[in-house]
Amino acid sequence: MPTIINKEELANYIGFQAKPTPWHSVTQQQIDQFADCTLDHQFIHVDEEKAKATPFGATIAHGFLSLSMLSHFAEDFSVIIDGFYMGLNAGFDKVRFLQPVTVNSRIRAHATTLAIEEKKPGQYRLSTQVSVEIEGSETPALVAQWISVQMVKSH
């Protein structure tokens, strides 16, 4: 569940660490569908037999698939300003892929709110540090500094 906050509380949520999100299992079907959407059919993602011969021993999710899962995970880790009616993805200040996600791995996100700034009346820019944990691995799949914009109605 997202955390709903009042505009008056913004400063109190700088450094806020959300609870880890629920786990998500990355299936071969999801990897194949992502490959079809992005036209990235590199064997390491879609050819289970060839992938067995790699150091990973199985197919791996595309790094961009793991990154795109942040939209799903944000439903749980987001800090939402009261009056929110629309959110926009403004990009990333930094993204690093640290560990591949092998097929059938479970992943979840950890998020910390780094900054919340009102850029224009009713438009708030949020910076969130996110890491995607792979169950059983000390090294996360990725770390990213995600920038989003929340459109907020004034009451």
Protein backbone atom coordinates (compact mmCIF):
# COMPACT_ATOMS: atom_id res chain seq x y z
CA MET A 1 0.00 0.00 0.00
CA PRO A 2 1.29 3.47 -0.78
CA THR A 3 1.89 5.90 2.06
CA ILE A 4 -0.46 8.91 1.86
CA ILE A 5 0.93 12.16 3.27
CA ASN A 6 -0.27 15.75 3.66
CA LYS A 7 1.59 18.63 2.00
CA GLU A 8 2.45 19.94 5.46
CA GLU A 9 4.32 16.68 6.22
CA LEU A 10 6.62 16.62 3.17
CA ALA A 11 9.81 17.39 5.10
CA ASN A 12 9.09 14.51 7.49
CA TYR A 13 9.26 12.00 4.62
CA ILE A 14 12.71 12.83 3.30
CA GLY A 15 14.66 9.66 4.07
CA PHE A 16 11.47 7.61 4.54
CA GLN A 17 12.07 3.90 3.93
CA ALA A 18 9.00 2.05 2.72
CA LYS A 19 8.38 -1.56 3.70
CA PRO A 20 9.79 -3.99 1.12
CA THR A 21 7.21 -4.83 -1.53
CA PRO A 22 5.67 -8.28 -1.88
CA TRP A 23 7.72 -10.80 -3.85
CA HIS A 24 7.18 -11.26 -7.59
CA SER A 25 8.20 -14.42 -9.47
CA VAL A 26 9.82 -13.77 -12.84
CA THR A 27 8.59 -16.48 -15.22
CA GLN A 28 9.81 -17.53 -18.64
CA GLN A 29 6.45 -16.44 -20.04
CA GLN A 30 7.02 -12.90 -18.69
CA ILE A 31 10.56 -12.86 -20.12
CA ASP A 32 9.29 -14.09 -23.51
CA GLN A 33 6.52 -11.48 -23.57
CA PHE A 34 9.03 -8.74 -22.76
CA ALA A 35 11.30 -10.04 -25.53
CA ASP A 36 8.38 -9.85 -27.96
CA CYS A 37 7.47 -6.31 -26.87
CA THR A 38 11.03 -5.00 -27.14
CA LEU A 39 12.12 -7.17 -30.08
CA ASP A 40 15.10 -8.28 -27.97
CA HIS A 41 15.25 -12.05 -28.50
CA GLN A 42 18.87 -12.57 -27.47
CA PHE A 43 19.31 -16.27 -26.68
CA ILE A 44 20.24 -15.64 -23.03
CA HIS A 45 16.64 -14.52 -22.49
CA VAL A 46 14.58 -16.88 -24.65
CA ASP A 47 16.53 -20.06 -25.51
CA GLU A 48 16.43 -22.26 -22.43
CA GLU A 49 18.78 -24.92 -23.88
CA LYS A 50 21.50 -22.49 -25.01
CA ALA A 51 21.18 -20.50 -21.77
CA LYS A 52 21.96 -23.63 -19.72
CA ALA A 53 25.50 -23.53 -21.18
CA THR A 54 26.16 -19.99 -19.93
CA PRO A 55 27.61 -19.08 -16.53
CA PHE A 56 24.02 -18.33 -15.39
CA GLY A 57 22.82 -21.88 -16.09
CA ALA A 58 19.38 -20.67 -17.18
CA THR A 59 17.68 -17.87 -19.03
CA ILE A 60 17.81 -14.42 -17.45
CA ALA A 61 15.37 -11.54 -17.45
CA HIS A 62 16.28 -8.50 -19.50
CA GLY A 63 17.75 -5.76 -17.31
CA PHE A 64 15.09 -3.45 -18.68
CA LEU A 65 12.41 -5.96 -17.65
CA SER A 66 13.68 -5.79 -14.07
CA LEU A 67 13.75 -1.99 -14.31
CA SER A 68 10.24 -1.84 -15.77
CA MET A 69 8.95 -3.79 -12.76
CA LEU A 70 9.45 -0.61 -10.71
CA SER A 71 6.10 0.61 -12.05
CA HIS A 72 4.45 -2.46 -10.52
CA PHE A 73 6.39 -2.24 -7.25
CA ALA A 74 5.64 1.48 -6.90
CA GLU A 75 2.02 0.60 -6.14
CA ASP A 76 3.34 -0.58 -2.76
CA PHE A 77 6.34 1.64 -1.96
CA SER A 78 5.19 5.05 -3.16
CA VAL A 79 4.74 8.12 -1.01
CA ILE A 80 1.58 9.78 -2.34
CA ILE A 81 0.69 13.38 -1.57
CA ASP A 82 -2.93 13.88 -0.48
CA GLY A 83 -4.90 15.27 -3.45
CA PHE A 84 -2.87 13.21 -5.95
CA TYR A 85 -4.70 12.75 -9.25
CA MET A 86 -1.94 11.85 -11.73
CA GLY A 87 1.65 10.68 -11.73
CA LEU A 88 4.32 11.04 -14.38
CA ASN A 89 7.58 9.20 -14.89
CA ALA A 90 10.33 11.80 -15.29
CA GLY A 91 13.20 9.32 -15.71
CA PHE A 92 16.25 8.30 -13.75
CA ASP A 93 19.29 10.10 -12.45
CA LYS A 94 21.17 6.81 -12.14
CA VAL A 95 20.55 3.16 -12.95
CA ARG A 96 22.95 0.29 -12.40
CA PHE A 97 22.33 -3.37 -13.21
CA LEU A 98 24.32 -5.37 -10.68
CA GLN A 99 23.10 -8.96 -10.86
CA PRO A 100 21.08 -10.84 -13.50
CA VAL A 101 17.67 -12.21 -12.54
CA THR A 102 17.47 -15.85 -13.56
CA VAL A 103 14.17 -17.34 -14.62
CA ASN A 104 11.85 -18.31 -11.74
CA SER A 105 13.66 -16.01 -9.31
CA ARG A 106 11.62 -13.96 -6.89
CA ILE A 107 12.27 -10.22 -6.73
CA ARG A 108 10.99 -7.35 -4.63
CA ALA A 109 11.77 -3.65 -4.26
CA HIS A 110 13.12 -1.54 -1.42
CA ALA A 111 12.59 2.22 -1.66
CA THR A 112 13.74 5.34 0.16
CA THR A 113 12.34 8.80 -0.55
CA LEU A 114 15.30 11.12 -1.16
CA ALA A 115 13.56 14.41 -2.02
CA ILE A 116 10.13 15.98 -2.50
CA GLU A 117 9.97 19.43 -4.06
CA GLU A 118 7.07 21.52 -5.29
CA LYS A 119 8.28 22.68 -8.71
CA LYS A 120 5.08 24.51 -9.70
CA PRO A 121 1.84 24.93 -7.78
CA GLY A 122 0.35 21.44 -7.53
CA GLN A 123 3.35 19.72 -9.18
CA TYR A 124 5.73 17.84 -6.92
CA ARG A 125 8.97 16.22 -8.03
CA LEU A 126 9.97 13.15 -6.04
CA SER A 127 13.31 11.40 -6.08
CA THR A 128 13.29 7.81 -4.86
CA GLN A 129 16.23 5.46 -4.35
CA VAL A 130 15.09 1.96 -5.32
CA SER A 131 16.84 -1.39 -5.24
CA VAL A 132 15.45 -4.65 -6.57
CA GLU A 133 16.33 -7.57 -4.33
CA ILE A 134 16.70 -11.11 -5.65
CA GLU A 135 15.61 -13.68 -3.10
CA GLY A 136 18.67 -15.52 -1.78
CA SER A 137 21.22 -13.10 -3.27
CA GLU A 138 23.23 -10.52 -1.37
CA THR A 139 23.67 -8.43 -4.53
CA PRO A 140 20.56 -6.63 -5.80
CA ALA A 141 19.46 -6.96 -9.41
CA LEU A 142 19.62 -3.19 -9.78
CA VAL A 143 19.75 0.11 -8.00
CA ALA A 144 18.18 3.26 -9.40
CA GLN A 145 17.38 6.82 -8.51
CA TRP A 146 13.91 7.33 -9.95
CA ILE A 147 12.38 10.74 -10.58
CA SER A 148 8.61 11.12 -10.70
CA VAL A 149 6.13 13.97 -10.72
CA GLN A 150 2.87 13.99 -8.80
CA MET A 151 0.04 16.25 -9.87
CA VAL A 152 -1.88 17.26 -6.73
CA LYS A 153 -5.24 19.06 -6.48
CA SER A 154 -5.40 21.84 -3.96
CA HIS A 155 -8.26 21.49 -1.51
